[in-house]
Amino acid sequence: MEIKHAKESGHWYTREGVPAYTVKSAKGEDRPTNLKDARKLNLVPSVTTILGVAAKPGLEIWKQNQVLLAALTLPRQEGESESDWVNRIIEDSKEQGKQAAEFGTAIHAEIQAHFEGRSYDPEFADYVEGAVAAISSHFNDWEWISEKSFAHELGFGGKCDLFIPADPSRNFGGFVCDIKTKDFGPDDKVSAFDEHFLQLAAYRVGLGAQRARCANVFVSRNHPGLVQVIEWSQEDLDRGWQMFLRLLEFWQIKSNHR
């Protein structure tokens, strides 16, 4: 079954925080918004677009592993040149990654449906119920705001998976959660990387909740119902914000778009 959902990266937002993922082509059809459109329409890039300029060692190691696994299952065919064999291995590894990403996006969409008060596909019940239980256990029960979009005056935007606004009258800083899917089992330690707390640090500033507690909710793709929550320290988030600011400035200068 082919699963299609919007990709999480490469998004643009208006200065008011409204998603502007597509524009009309010359033929009147929707097409993905690009940098040229953003300059013309004064749009801001997503946090994930900004983070794209930084190296992601964890992701690169995962890609290398996929290539190695593909090589083990795709022996060289008789008469096949070395370059053709290598290209076939690389294409197969990309396909495996694409399928994993699409399945992860589908899981994410069903969890989102629950938090938006919509019905979700029963086929994904274990994933949804596992995520809901883990979030409730870690943060207690809240009426979460799902898919809250924003734009910040410094020139970046985004859409937060789960958000609880700050309430200064109660000395409450708010909560920001981002849901990720990956393959892991009950005995595995889930690794989180710099880009995870950089993203959350930018989200909480963009949402006007500068002291919010922030966590990644990792949902296992290959063990339905298995979820791990990693909450970041305020020190990590403060450092992440400073790191993000440098990446933002680099992206703006490199893209000639402020």
Protein backbone atom coordinates (compact mmCIF):
# COMPACT_ATOMS: atom_id res chain seq x y z
CA MET A 1 0.00 0.00 0.00
CA GLU A 2 1.44 3.38 -0.98
CA ILE A 3 1.25 5.98 1.79
CA LYS A 4 1.43 9.68 0.94
CA HIS A 5 1.74 12.48 3.45
CA ALA A 6 3.38 15.88 3.40
CA LYS A 7 7.11 15.89 3.96
CA GLU A 8 8.36 17.58 7.10
CA SER A 9 11.26 19.48 5.58
CA GLY A 10 11.56 22.14 2.88
CA HIS A 11 8.59 24.15 4.12
CA TRP A 12 8.00 27.91 4.00
CA TYR A 13 5.80 30.21 6.06
CA THR A 14 4.34 33.68 5.72
CA ARG A 15 5.47 36.37 8.14
CA GLU A 16 2.23 35.69 10.04
CA GLY A 17 3.13 32.02 10.48
CA VAL A 18 0.75 30.60 7.89
CA PRO A 19 2.13 27.57 6.00
CA ALA A 20 2.99 28.35 2.38
CA TYR A 21 4.18 24.94 1.21
CA THR A 22 2.95 25.35 -2.37
CA VAL A 23 2.38 28.06 -4.95
CA LYS A 24 0.53 28.08 -8.25
CA SER A 25 2.54 27.23 -11.33
CA ALA A 26 2.15 29.03 -14.66
CA LYS A 27 -0.39 26.34 -15.56
CA GLY A 28 -2.39 27.02 -12.41
CA GLU A 29 -1.30 23.82 -10.67
CA ASP A 30 0.13 23.55 -7.17
CA ARG A 31 3.89 23.04 -6.98
CA PRO A 32 6.35 23.12 -4.05
CA THR A 33 7.46 26.58 -2.99
CA ASN A 34 11.12 27.31 -3.70
CA LEU A 35 13.66 29.94 -2.67
CA LYS A 36 12.85 32.17 -5.63
CA ASP A 37 9.19 32.17 -4.60
CA ALA A 38 10.16 32.90 -1.00
CA ARG A 39 12.16 35.97 -2.01
CA LYS A 40 9.26 37.25 -4.11
CA LEU A 41 6.58 36.57 -1.47
CA ASN A 42 8.72 37.47 1.58
CA LEU A 43 8.38 34.00 3.12
CA VAL A 44 10.52 32.57 5.92
CA PRO A 45 12.14 29.11 5.85
CA SER A 46 11.30 26.32 8.25
CA VAL A 47 13.53 25.39 11.17
CA THR A 48 14.29 22.08 9.43
CA THR A 49 15.42 23.94 6.33
CA ILE A 50 17.88 25.96 8.43
CA LEU A 51 19.15 22.81 10.15
CA GLY A 52 19.81 21.33 6.73
CA VAL A 53 23.04 23.34 6.44
CA ALA A 54 24.57 21.49 9.41
CA ALA A 55 26.23 18.08 9.23
CA LYS A 56 24.19 15.17 10.64
CA PRO A 57 26.65 12.40 11.56
CA GLY A 58 23.93 10.10 12.89
CA LEU A 59 21.97 10.27 9.66
CA GLU A 60 25.09 9.73 7.56
CA ILE A 61 26.02 6.62 9.55
CA TRP A 62 22.48 5.29 9.03
CA LYS A 63 22.77 5.89 5.27
CA GLN A 64 26.11 4.10 5.15
CA ASN A 65 24.60 1.14 6.98
CA GLN A 66 21.79 0.99 4.43
CA VAL A 67 24.33 0.86 1.60
CA LEU A 68 26.23 -1.95 3.32
CA LEU A 69 23.05 -3.94 3.92
CA ALA A 70 22.00 -3.48 0.30
CA ALA A 71 25.42 -4.69 -0.86
CA LEU A 72 25.02 -7.87 1.20
CA THR A 73 21.70 -8.70 -0.47
CA LEU A 74 22.56 -7.65 -4.04
CA PRO A 75 25.40 -9.78 -5.42
CA ARG A 76 27.10 -8.64 -8.57
CA GLN A 77 25.41 -10.12 -11.64
CA GLU A 78 27.28 -11.94 -14.36
CA GLY A 79 28.60 -9.48 -16.90
CA GLU A 80 27.59 -6.47 -14.77
CA SER A 81 30.17 -3.68 -14.62
CA GLU A 82 31.40 -2.52 -11.24
CA SER A 83 29.89 0.96 -11.72
CA ASP A 84 26.47 -0.49 -12.64
CA TRP A 85 26.60 -2.78 -9.61
CA VAL A 86 27.50 0.09 -7.28
CA ASN A 87 24.72 2.25 -8.72
CA ARG A 88 22.22 -0.58 -8.21
CA ILE A 89 23.29 -0.95 -4.57
CA ILE A 90 22.97 2.78 -3.95
CA GLU A 91 19.54 2.96 -5.57
CA ASP A 92 18.34 -0.01 -3.52
CA SER A 93 19.60 1.57 -0.28
CA LYS A 94 17.77 4.80 -1.14
CA GLU A 95 14.55 2.85 -1.75
CA GLN A 96 14.81 1.20 1.65
CA GLY A 97 15.30 4.59 3.27
CA LYS A 98 12.40 6.04 1.32
CA GLN A 99 10.05 3.27 2.46
CA ALA A 100 11.13 3.69 6.08
CA ALA A 101 10.59 7.46 5.88
CA GLU A 102 7.15 7.08 4.30
CA PHE A 103 6.05 4.58 6.93
CA GLY A 104 7.34 6.88 9.67
CA THR A 105 5.44 9.79 8.19
CA ALA A 106 2.27 7.69 8.15
CA ILE A 107 2.71 6.79 11.85
CA HIS A 108 3.29 10.46 12.64
CA ALA A 109 0.12 11.47 10.79
CA GLU A 110 -2.04 8.99 12.74
CA ILE A 111 -0.64 10.20 16.08
CA GLN A 112 -1.35 13.73 14.96
CA ALA A 113 -4.93 12.74 14.10
CA HIS A 114 -5.49 11.57 17.68
CA PHE A 115 -4.25 14.82 19.20
CA GLU A 116 -6.41 16.80 16.79
CA GLY A 117 -9.48 14.88 17.93
CA ARG A 118 -9.87 12.96 14.69
CA SER A 119 -10.21 9.22 14.26
CA TYR A 120 -7.07 7.34 13.32
CA ASP A 121 -6.51 4.22 11.26
CA PRO A 122 -6.96 1.15 13.52
CA GLU A 123 -4.00 -0.40 11.73
CA PHE A 124 -1.83 2.13 13.58
CA ALA A 125 -3.54 1.77 16.96
CA ASP A 126 -0.50 0.32 18.76
CA TYR A 127 1.72 3.18 17.58
CA VAL A 128 -0.82 5.85 18.54
CA GLU A 129 -1.72 4.37 21.92
CA GLY A 130 1.94 3.80 22.77
CA ALA A 131 2.80 7.43 21.99
CA VAL A 132 -0.19 8.81 23.90
CA ALA A 133 0.61 6.69 26.96
CA ALA A 134 4.29 7.69 26.95
CA ILE A 135 3.50 11.41 26.60
CA SER A 136 0.86 11.24 29.32
CA SER A 137 3.23 9.39 31.65
CA HIS A 138 6.02 11.90 31.12
CA PHE A 139 4.04 15.15 31.18
CA ASN A 140 0.73 14.11 32.84
CA ASP A 141 -2.55 14.79 31.04
CA TRP A 142 -2.85 18.05 29.08
CA GLU A 143 -4.99 19.41 26.29
CA TRP A 144 -2.19 19.62 23.74
CA ILE A 145 -2.24 22.00 20.80
CA SER A 146 -1.28 19.97 17.74
CA GLU A 147 0.56 21.24 14.66
CA LYS A 148 0.91 24.83 15.87
CA SER A 149 2.61 26.91 13.18
CA PHE A 150 4.55 30.14 13.74
CA ALA A 151 6.94 32.66 12.22
CA HIS A 152 9.57 34.57 14.15
CA GLU A 153 10.75 38.11 13.45
CA LEU A 154 14.34 36.88 13.00
CA GLY A 155 13.25 35.12 9.81
CA PHE A 156 12.33 31.50 10.45
CA GLY A 157 9.13 29.53 10.94
CA GLY A 158 7.88 26.07 11.69
CA LYS A 159 5.10 23.83 12.87
CA CYS A 160 5.29 22.19 16.29
CA ASP A 161 3.90 18.68 16.78
CA LEU A 162 2.61 19.24 20.33
CA PHE A 163 2.55 22.48 22.31
CA ILE A 164 1.32 23.83 25.65
CA PRO A 165 1.65 27.65 25.88
CA ALA A 166 3.48 29.34 28.71
CA ASP A 167 1.49 30.94 31.53
CA PRO A 168 3.63 33.55 33.35
CA SER A 169 0.90 34.12 35.96
CA ARG A 170 1.47 30.56 37.20
CA ASN A 171 5.23 30.59 36.57
CA PHE A 172 4.62 27.91 33.94
CA GLY A 173 7.03 27.86 31.00
CA GLY A 174 5.02 25.57 28.71
CA PHE A 175 5.82 22.31 26.91
CA VAL A 176 7.13 21.63 23.39
CA CYS A 177 7.25 18.09 21.96
CA ASP A 178 8.51 16.79 18.65
CA ILE A 179 7.64 13.27 17.48
CA LYS A 180 10.23 11.20 15.63
CA THR A 181 10.03 7.65 14.26
CA LYS A 182 12.94 5.25 13.95
CA ASP A 183 13.78 1.56 14.21
CA PHE A 184 14.64 0.38 17.73
CA GLY A 185 13.80 -2.44 20.09
CA PRO A 186 13.09 -2.83 23.83
CA ASP A 187 16.78 -3.32 24.69
CA ASP A 188 18.08 -0.50 22.49
CA LYS A 189 19.21 2.86 23.78
CA VAL A 190 17.75 5.52 21.52
CA SER A 191 20.36 8.04 20.42
CA ALA A 192 19.42 11.69 20.11
CA PHE A 193 21.60 14.19 18.29
CA ASP A 194 22.35 17.90 18.21
CA GLU A 195 19.74 18.62 15.54
CA HIS A 196 17.02 17.35 17.88
CA PHE A 197 17.57 19.89 20.64
CA LEU A 198 18.44 22.64 18.14
CA GLN A 199 15.04 22.15 16.53
CA LEU A 200 13.21 22.24 19.86
CA ALA A 201 15.19 25.27 21.03
CA ALA A 202 14.15 27.17 17.89
CA TYR A 203 10.54 26.02 18.23
CA ARG A 204 10.12 27.23 21.77
CA VAL A 205 11.55 30.66 20.93
CA GLY A 206 9.43 30.87 17.79
CA LEU A 207 6.33 29.98 19.80
CA GLY A 208 7.08 32.60 22.47
CA ALA A 209 7.77 30.01 25.17
CA GLN A 210 11.46 30.64 25.78
CA ARG A 211 11.62 28.57 28.98
CA ALA A 212 9.40 25.68 27.93
CA ARG A 213 10.32 22.11 28.76
CA CYS A 214 11.19 20.34 25.51
CA ALA A 215 11.26 16.66 24.60
CA ASN A 216 11.59 14.34 21.65
CA VAL A 217 9.12 11.46 21.54
CA PHE A 218 10.76 8.57 19.67
CA VAL A 219 8.26 6.04 18.29
CA SER A 220 9.61 2.69 17.16
CA ARG A 221 8.71 1.77 13.58
CA ASN A 222 9.53 -1.91 13.96
CA HIS A 223 8.14 -2.51 17.49
CA PRO A 224 4.56 -1.15 17.53
CA GLY A 225 3.74 0.53 20.83
CA LEU A 226 7.35 1.02 21.92
CA VAL A 227 8.14 4.66 22.69
CA GLN A 228 10.98 6.51 24.42
CA VAL A 229 10.77 10.13 25.58
CA ILE A 230 13.97 12.16 25.84
CA GLU A 231 13.65 15.53 27.59
CA TRP A 232 16.41 18.06 27.12
CA SER A 233 17.94 20.17 29.87
CA GLN A 234 17.60 23.94 29.90
CA GLU A 235 21.37 24.13 29.41
CA ASP A 236 21.16 22.04 26.23
CA LEU A 237 18.29 24.14 24.92
CA ASP A 238 20.03 27.45 25.64
CA ARG A 239 23.14 26.17 23.86
CA GLY A 240 20.97 24.85 21.04
CA TRP A 241 19.41 28.27 20.52
CA GLN A 242 22.83 29.91 20.19
CA MET A 243 23.88 27.21 17.72
CA PHE A 244 20.67 27.67 15.73
CA LEU A 245 21.19 31.44 15.53
CA ARG A 246 24.57 30.88 13.86
CA LEU A 247 23.09 28.42 11.38
CA LEU A 248 20.26 30.86 10.63
CA GLU A 249 22.69 33.67 9.88
CA PHE A 250 24.79 31.37 7.67
CA TRP A 251 21.70 30.18 5.76
CA GLN A 252 20.44 33.75 5.26
CA ILE A 253 23.78 34.95 3.89
CA LYS A 254 24.30 31.83 1.77
CA SER A 255 20.75 32.02 0.34
CA ASN A 256 20.74 35.81 0.04
CA HIS A 257 17.39 35.88 1.79
CA ARG A 258 16.87 37.75 5.04
